[in-house]
N, C-alpha and C. Protein backbone atom coordinates (compact mmCIF):
# COMPACT_ATOMS: atom_id res chain seq x y z
N UNK A 1 169.40 53.54 29.04
CA UNK A 1 169.10 52.51 29.99
C UNK A 1 170.39 52.11 30.70
N UNK A 2 170.31 51.98 32.03
CA UNK A 2 171.50 51.64 32.82
C UNK A 2 171.88 50.18 32.61
N UNK A 3 173.15 49.91 32.63
CA UNK A 3 173.61 48.54 32.50
C UNK A 3 173.77 47.94 33.89
N UNK A 4 173.56 46.65 33.97
CA UNK A 4 173.69 45.95 35.24
C UNK A 4 175.15 45.58 35.46
N UNK A 5 175.65 45.88 36.63
CA UNK A 5 177.03 45.56 36.99
C UNK A 5 177.01 44.70 38.23
N UNK A 6 177.66 43.56 38.16
CA UNK A 6 177.68 42.65 39.31
C UNK A 6 178.50 43.26 40.45
N UNK A 7 178.10 43.02 41.69
CA UNK A 7 178.90 43.51 42.82
C UNK A 7 180.31 42.93 42.77
N UNK A 8 181.26 43.71 43.25
CA UNK A 8 182.64 43.24 43.33
C UNK A 8 182.90 42.83 44.78
N UNK A 9 183.38 41.62 44.95
CA UNK A 9 183.71 41.13 46.29
C UNK A 9 184.98 41.83 46.75
N UNK A 10 184.96 42.38 47.96
CA UNK A 10 186.14 43.03 48.52
C UNK A 10 187.04 42.00 49.18
N UNK A 11 188.33 42.22 49.11
CA UNK A 11 189.27 41.34 49.80
C UNK A 11 189.19 41.61 51.30
N UNK A 12 189.74 40.71 52.08
CA UNK A 12 189.78 40.91 53.53
C UNK A 12 190.56 42.19 53.86
N UNK A 13 191.66 42.43 53.15
CA UNK A 13 192.45 43.65 53.38
C UNK A 13 191.62 44.89 53.09
N UNK A 14 190.89 44.89 51.97
CA UNK A 14 190.04 46.04 51.64
C UNK A 14 188.96 46.25 52.71
N UNK A 15 188.39 45.16 53.19
CA UNK A 15 187.37 45.27 54.24
C UNK A 15 187.94 45.92 55.49
N UNK A 16 189.12 45.49 55.91
CA UNK A 16 189.74 46.07 57.11
C UNK A 16 190.14 47.53 56.88
N UNK A 17 190.55 47.87 55.66
CA UNK A 17 190.85 49.28 55.37
C UNK A 17 189.61 50.14 55.55
N UNK A 18 188.48 49.66 55.08
CA UNK A 18 187.23 50.42 55.25
C UNK A 18 186.83 50.47 56.73
N UNK A 19 186.97 49.36 57.44
CA UNK A 19 186.67 49.37 58.87
C UNK A 19 187.58 50.35 59.62
N UNK A 20 188.85 50.42 59.22
CA UNK A 20 189.79 51.35 59.85
C UNK A 20 189.41 52.81 59.60
N UNK A 21 188.86 53.09 58.43
CA UNK A 21 188.53 54.47 58.04
C UNK A 21 187.26 55.00 58.71
N UNK A 22 186.36 54.11 59.03
CA UNK A 22 185.08 54.52 59.60
C UNK A 22 185.14 54.49 61.13
N UNK A 23 184.11 55.01 61.76
CA UNK A 23 184.03 54.95 63.22
C UNK A 23 182.61 54.78 63.73
N UNK A 24 181.67 54.50 62.81
CA UNK A 24 180.28 54.32 63.18
C UNK A 24 179.71 53.13 62.44
N UNK A 25 179.08 52.22 63.16
CA UNK A 25 178.49 51.04 62.54
C UNK A 25 177.31 50.54 63.34
N UNK A 26 176.85 49.36 62.99
CA UNK A 26 175.71 48.75 63.66
C UNK A 26 176.07 47.33 64.07
N UNK A 27 175.76 47.02 65.31
CA UNK A 27 176.02 45.67 65.82
C UNK A 27 174.70 44.94 66.00
N UNK A 28 174.63 43.73 65.46
CA UNK A 28 173.47 42.86 65.66
C UNK A 28 173.83 41.83 66.71
N UNK A 29 172.92 41.64 67.65
CA UNK A 29 173.17 40.71 68.76
C UNK A 29 171.88 40.05 69.18
N UNK A 30 172.02 38.94 69.89
CA UNK A 30 170.87 38.21 70.42
C UNK A 30 170.59 38.69 71.84
N UNK A 31 169.32 38.81 72.17
CA UNK A 31 168.90 39.08 73.54
C UNK A 31 167.63 38.29 73.77
N UNK A 32 167.75 37.30 74.62
CA UNK A 32 166.67 36.34 74.84
C UNK A 32 166.35 35.67 73.51
N UNK A 33 165.11 35.73 73.05
CA UNK A 33 164.74 35.07 71.80
C UNK A 33 164.62 36.04 70.63
N UNK A 34 165.23 37.21 70.75
CA UNK A 34 165.12 38.21 69.71
C UNK A 34 166.50 38.63 69.21
N UNK A 35 166.53 39.11 67.97
CA UNK A 35 167.74 39.69 67.42
C UNK A 35 167.57 41.21 67.46
N UNK A 36 168.56 41.90 67.97
CA UNK A 36 168.54 43.36 68.07
C UNK A 36 169.67 43.92 67.23
N UNK A 37 169.53 45.19 66.89
CA UNK A 37 170.61 45.89 66.19
C UNK A 37 170.73 47.27 66.82
N UNK A 38 171.97 47.69 67.03
CA UNK A 38 172.20 48.97 67.71
C UNK A 38 173.37 49.70 67.06
N UNK A 39 173.26 51.02 66.94
CA UNK A 39 174.38 51.80 66.42
C UNK A 39 175.45 51.95 67.49
N UNK A 40 176.70 51.89 67.07
CA UNK A 40 177.82 52.11 67.99
C UNK A 40 178.95 52.84 67.26
N UNK A 41 179.65 53.69 68.00
CA UNK A 41 180.91 54.20 67.45
C UNK A 41 181.99 53.26 67.96
N UNK A 42 182.98 53.02 67.13
CA UNK A 42 183.95 51.97 67.40
C UNK A 42 185.34 52.37 66.93
N UNK A 43 186.30 51.56 67.30
CA UNK A 43 187.67 51.67 66.80
C UNK A 43 188.15 50.26 66.46
N UNK A 44 189.10 50.17 65.54
CA UNK A 44 189.70 48.88 65.24
C UNK A 44 190.98 48.74 66.06
N UNK A 45 191.29 47.50 66.40
CA UNK A 45 192.48 47.24 67.21
C UNK A 45 192.93 45.81 66.99
N UNK A 46 193.94 45.60 66.17
CA UNK A 46 194.56 44.29 65.96
C UNK A 46 193.56 43.18 65.67
N UNK A 47 192.79 43.37 64.63
CA UNK A 47 191.86 42.32 64.21
C UNK A 47 190.58 42.23 65.02
N UNK A 48 190.29 43.28 65.74
CA UNK A 48 189.04 43.29 66.49
C UNK A 48 188.44 44.69 66.44
N UNK A 49 187.15 44.75 66.77
CA UNK A 49 186.42 46.00 66.85
C UNK A 49 186.13 46.27 68.32
N UNK A 50 186.31 47.50 68.75
CA UNK A 50 186.16 47.84 70.16
C UNK A 50 185.19 49.01 70.28
N UNK A 51 184.30 48.92 71.27
CA UNK A 51 183.39 50.03 71.53
C UNK A 51 183.10 50.12 73.02
N UNK A 52 182.60 51.28 73.42
CA UNK A 52 182.20 51.51 74.81
C UNK A 52 180.68 51.48 74.89
N UNK A 53 180.17 51.02 76.02
CA UNK A 53 178.73 51.00 76.21
C UNK A 53 178.38 51.15 77.68
N UNK A 54 177.21 51.65 77.94
CA UNK A 54 176.68 51.73 79.30
C UNK A 54 175.97 50.43 79.63
N UNK A 55 175.54 50.31 80.86
CA UNK A 55 174.70 49.17 81.24
C UNK A 55 173.45 49.21 80.37
N UNK A 56 172.99 48.07 79.93
CA UNK A 56 171.77 48.05 79.12
C UNK A 56 171.72 46.82 78.23
N UNK A 57 170.86 46.89 77.23
CA UNK A 57 170.58 45.71 76.42
C UNK A 57 171.79 45.22 75.61
N UNK A 58 172.62 46.14 75.07
CA UNK A 58 173.80 45.68 74.32
C UNK A 58 174.72 44.86 75.22
N UNK A 59 174.99 45.40 76.39
CA UNK A 59 175.90 44.73 77.31
C UNK A 59 175.31 43.39 77.75
N UNK A 60 174.05 43.39 78.11
CA UNK A 60 173.39 42.15 78.51
C UNK A 60 173.40 41.14 77.36
N UNK A 61 173.15 41.63 76.15
CA UNK A 61 173.12 40.74 75.00
C UNK A 61 174.44 40.03 74.76
N UNK A 62 175.56 40.77 74.84
CA UNK A 62 176.85 40.12 74.57
C UNK A 62 177.28 39.22 75.72
N UNK A 63 176.78 39.50 76.93
CA UNK A 63 177.08 38.60 78.05
C UNK A 63 176.30 37.30 77.89
N UNK A 64 175.08 37.40 77.43
CA UNK A 64 174.23 36.20 77.29
C UNK A 64 174.57 35.37 76.06
N UNK A 65 175.04 36.03 74.98
CA UNK A 65 175.36 35.31 73.75
C UNK A 65 176.44 36.09 73.02
N UNK A 66 177.62 35.55 72.95
CA UNK A 66 178.77 36.28 72.40
C UNK A 66 178.76 36.41 70.87
N UNK A 67 177.93 35.65 70.17
CA UNK A 67 177.91 35.70 68.71
C UNK A 67 177.23 36.98 68.24
N UNK A 68 177.98 37.78 67.47
CA UNK A 68 177.45 39.05 66.99
C UNK A 68 177.84 39.24 65.52
N UNK A 69 177.18 40.19 64.90
CA UNK A 69 177.56 40.65 63.56
C UNK A 69 177.66 42.17 63.63
N UNK A 70 178.51 42.72 62.78
CA UNK A 70 178.75 44.16 62.77
C UNK A 70 178.78 44.62 61.33
N UNK A 71 178.15 45.76 61.03
CA UNK A 71 178.04 46.20 59.65
C UNK A 71 178.33 47.69 59.52
N UNK A 72 179.06 48.03 58.46
CA UNK A 72 179.24 49.42 58.05
C UNK A 72 178.93 49.50 56.57
N UNK A 73 178.51 50.66 56.11
CA UNK A 73 178.25 50.83 54.69
C UNK A 73 178.31 52.31 54.33
N UNK A 74 178.35 52.57 53.04
CA UNK A 74 178.37 53.95 52.58
C UNK A 74 177.95 54.00 51.12
N UNK A 75 177.21 55.04 50.79
CA UNK A 75 176.96 55.40 49.40
C UNK A 75 177.94 56.52 49.10
N UNK A 76 178.80 56.31 48.13
CA UNK A 76 179.83 57.29 47.81
C UNK A 76 179.19 58.57 47.28
N UNK A 77 179.59 59.71 47.85
CA UNK A 77 179.05 61.00 47.44
C UNK A 77 179.29 61.26 45.97
N UNK A 78 178.26 61.74 45.29
CA UNK A 78 178.40 62.15 43.90
C UNK A 78 178.62 61.02 42.91
N UNK A 79 178.38 59.80 43.32
CA UNK A 79 178.57 58.69 42.37
C UNK A 79 177.44 57.70 42.53
N UNK A 80 177.45 56.72 41.68
CA UNK A 80 176.44 55.67 41.74
C UNK A 80 177.04 54.38 42.29
N UNK A 81 177.96 54.51 43.24
CA UNK A 81 178.54 53.30 43.82
C UNK A 81 178.38 53.32 45.33
N UNK A 82 178.39 52.14 45.90
CA UNK A 82 178.25 51.98 47.35
C UNK A 82 179.06 50.76 47.76
N UNK A 83 179.27 50.64 49.05
CA UNK A 83 179.95 49.46 49.57
C UNK A 83 179.35 49.08 50.92
N UNK A 84 179.58 47.85 51.31
CA UNK A 84 179.11 47.33 52.58
C UNK A 84 180.11 46.31 53.09
N UNK A 85 180.39 46.37 54.39
CA UNK A 85 181.29 45.41 55.03
C UNK A 85 180.56 44.81 56.23
N UNK A 86 180.63 43.50 56.36
CA UNK A 86 180.03 42.80 57.49
C UNK A 86 181.12 41.98 58.17
N UNK A 87 181.22 42.17 59.48
CA UNK A 87 182.16 41.39 60.29
C UNK A 87 181.34 40.51 61.24
N UNK A 88 181.77 39.29 61.40
CA UNK A 88 181.13 38.37 62.35
C UNK A 88 182.19 37.97 63.36
N UNK A 89 181.74 37.74 64.59
CA UNK A 89 182.70 37.35 65.60
C UNK A 89 182.07 37.13 66.95
N UNK A 90 182.94 37.17 67.95
CA UNK A 90 182.53 36.91 69.33
C UNK A 90 182.84 38.13 70.17
N UNK A 91 181.82 38.63 70.86
CA UNK A 91 181.98 39.82 71.69
C UNK A 91 182.30 39.41 73.12
N UNK A 92 183.12 40.24 73.77
CA UNK A 92 183.45 40.00 75.17
C UNK A 92 183.76 41.33 75.84
N UNK A 93 183.49 41.38 77.12
CA UNK A 93 183.78 42.58 77.90
C UNK A 93 185.27 42.57 78.25
N UNK A 94 185.92 43.69 78.00
CA UNK A 94 187.34 43.78 78.32
C UNK A 94 187.51 44.18 79.79
N UNK A 95 188.50 43.58 80.42
CA UNK A 95 188.79 43.85 81.82
C UNK A 95 190.28 44.05 82.00
N UNK A 96 190.65 44.57 83.15
CA UNK A 96 192.06 44.72 83.50
C UNK A 96 192.83 45.56 82.50
N UNK A 97 194.01 45.08 82.12
CA UNK A 97 194.89 45.83 81.23
C UNK A 97 194.25 46.06 79.86
N UNK A 98 193.53 45.08 79.35
CA UNK A 98 192.86 45.26 78.05
C UNK A 98 191.87 46.42 78.12
N UNK A 99 191.15 46.54 79.22
CA UNK A 99 190.21 47.65 79.41
C UNK A 99 190.97 48.98 79.45
N UNK A 100 192.05 49.01 80.18
CA UNK A 100 192.85 50.24 80.28
C UNK A 100 193.48 50.60 78.93
N UNK A 101 193.90 49.61 78.16
CA UNK A 101 194.50 49.86 76.85
C UNK A 101 193.53 50.53 75.88
N UNK A 102 192.24 50.34 76.10
CA UNK A 102 191.24 50.95 75.23
C UNK A 102 191.30 52.48 75.28
N UNK A 103 191.85 53.03 76.37
CA UNK A 103 192.00 54.49 76.47
C UNK A 103 192.96 55.03 75.42
N UNK A 104 193.81 54.17 74.86
CA UNK A 104 194.77 54.60 73.84
C UNK A 104 194.22 54.51 72.42
N UNK A 105 192.98 54.02 72.30
CA UNK A 105 192.35 53.90 70.99
C UNK A 105 191.61 55.19 70.65
N UNK A 106 191.32 55.35 69.39
CA UNK A 106 190.52 56.47 68.89
C UNK A 106 189.05 56.16 69.21
N UNK A 107 188.73 56.18 70.51
CA UNK A 107 187.42 55.70 70.95
C UNK A 107 186.93 56.53 72.12
N UNK A 108 186.02 57.43 71.84
CA UNK A 108 185.39 58.24 72.88
C UNK A 108 183.89 58.22 72.63
N UNK A 109 183.09 58.21 73.68
CA UNK A 109 181.62 58.22 73.49
C UNK A 109 181.18 59.46 72.71
N UNK A 110 180.23 59.29 71.82
CA UNK A 110 179.69 60.39 71.04
C UNK A 110 178.56 61.08 71.78
N UNK A 111 178.04 60.43 72.80
CA UNK A 111 176.95 61.02 73.58
C UNK A 111 177.46 61.33 74.97
N UNK A 112 176.66 62.09 75.71
CA UNK A 112 177.11 62.52 77.03
C UNK A 112 176.91 61.46 78.11
N UNK A 113 176.35 60.32 77.77
CA UNK A 113 176.14 59.28 78.77
C UNK A 113 177.47 58.63 79.16
N UNK A 114 177.52 58.13 80.37
CA UNK A 114 178.73 57.45 80.86
C UNK A 114 178.77 56.03 80.31
N UNK A 115 179.80 55.74 79.57
CA UNK A 115 179.96 54.42 78.96
C UNK A 115 181.27 53.83 79.46
N UNK A 116 181.20 53.20 80.61
CA UNK A 116 182.40 52.70 81.27
C UNK A 116 182.79 51.30 80.82
N UNK A 117 181.88 50.57 80.21
CA UNK A 117 182.17 49.20 79.78
C UNK A 117 182.79 49.21 78.40
N UNK A 118 183.84 48.43 78.23
CA UNK A 118 184.51 48.32 76.94
C UNK A 118 184.31 46.90 76.43
N UNK A 119 183.82 46.82 75.21
CA UNK A 119 183.52 45.52 74.59
C UNK A 119 184.38 45.38 73.34
N UNK A 120 184.94 44.20 73.15
CA UNK A 120 185.69 43.89 71.92
C UNK A 120 184.96 42.80 71.17
N UNK A 121 184.90 42.97 69.86
CA UNK A 121 184.42 41.91 68.98
C UNK A 121 185.65 41.29 68.34
N UNK A 122 185.96 40.07 68.72
CA UNK A 122 187.06 39.34 68.10
C UNK A 122 186.52 38.80 66.78
N UNK A 123 186.94 39.40 65.69
CA UNK A 123 186.39 39.12 64.37
C UNK A 123 186.90 37.77 63.87
N UNK A 124 185.97 36.92 63.46
CA UNK A 124 186.31 35.62 62.90
C UNK A 124 186.12 35.57 61.39
N UNK A 125 185.30 36.51 60.87
CA UNK A 125 185.05 36.55 59.42
C UNK A 125 184.68 37.98 59.05
N UNK A 126 185.23 38.43 57.94
CA UNK A 126 184.87 39.75 57.42
C UNK A 126 184.68 39.64 55.92
N UNK A 127 183.56 40.17 55.45
CA UNK A 127 183.23 40.13 54.03
C UNK A 127 182.74 41.51 53.59
N UNK A 128 182.86 41.78 52.32
CA UNK A 128 182.38 43.06 51.83
C UNK A 128 182.14 43.03 50.34
N UNK A 129 181.37 44.01 49.91
CA UNK A 129 181.05 44.16 48.50
C UNK A 129 181.02 45.63 48.13
N UNK A 130 181.43 45.90 46.92
CA UNK A 130 181.27 47.23 46.32
C UNK A 130 180.35 47.02 45.13
N UNK A 131 179.37 47.89 44.99
CA UNK A 131 178.39 47.67 43.93
C UNK A 131 177.93 48.98 43.31
N UNK A 132 177.42 48.84 42.09
CA UNK A 132 176.88 49.96 41.33
C UNK A 132 175.41 50.11 41.69
N UNK A 133 174.97 51.35 41.89
CA UNK A 133 173.57 51.62 42.19
C UNK A 133 172.87 52.05 40.90
N UNK A 134 171.90 51.28 40.47
CA UNK A 134 171.19 51.60 39.24
C UNK A 134 170.25 52.79 39.45
N UNK A 135 169.54 52.82 40.55
CA UNK A 135 168.59 53.89 40.87
C UNK A 135 167.71 54.25 39.67
N UNK A 136 166.92 53.32 39.17
CA UNK A 136 166.13 53.58 37.96
C UNK A 136 165.15 54.74 38.11
N UNK A 137 164.69 55.02 39.31
CA UNK A 137 163.75 56.13 39.49
C UNK A 137 164.37 57.48 39.15
N UNK A 138 165.70 57.59 39.18
CA UNK A 138 166.34 58.83 38.81
C UNK A 138 166.34 59.05 37.30
N UNK A 139 166.09 57.99 36.54
CA UNK A 139 166.06 58.08 35.08
C UNK A 139 164.64 58.30 34.56
N UNK A 140 163.66 58.25 35.45
CA UNK A 140 162.27 58.37 35.04
C UNK A 140 161.93 59.82 34.68
N UNK A 141 161.10 59.96 33.71
CA UNK A 141 160.65 61.29 33.28
C UNK A 141 159.39 61.63 34.10
N UNK A 142 159.38 62.78 34.79
CA UNK A 142 158.20 63.12 35.58
C UNK A 142 156.98 63.37 34.68
N UNK A 143 155.82 63.09 35.23
CA UNK A 143 154.56 63.30 34.48
C UNK A 143 154.31 64.75 34.20
């Protein structure tokens, strides 16, 4: 029988290390009276998350309401552990020099669509957890 292990809270430094290592996450944002979530490839840059987007609901959402949440996670290959990091902050469209500086980041669109708009999430809070996966169904004996 598997033992229960409490999740371990990650430090802010550990959370940023994981954010730095990854390049794909999900951003939750408000659009009108609904909450939406969208996948984005991103880069970290001095305490913020940066991504490119085309015209559409993500861009409209951050213009209408800057409060967003961003999440990355992973189940570690070959083990029974996983982690999750959530960043909260304020999104804004980058312009001028800040927009041009984004060309120096590890940030290129993964799809062939033109994504000329650069958005930064100025992170105000980052939290994370590492936890053991019990997966009891893997211990079950088939009929």
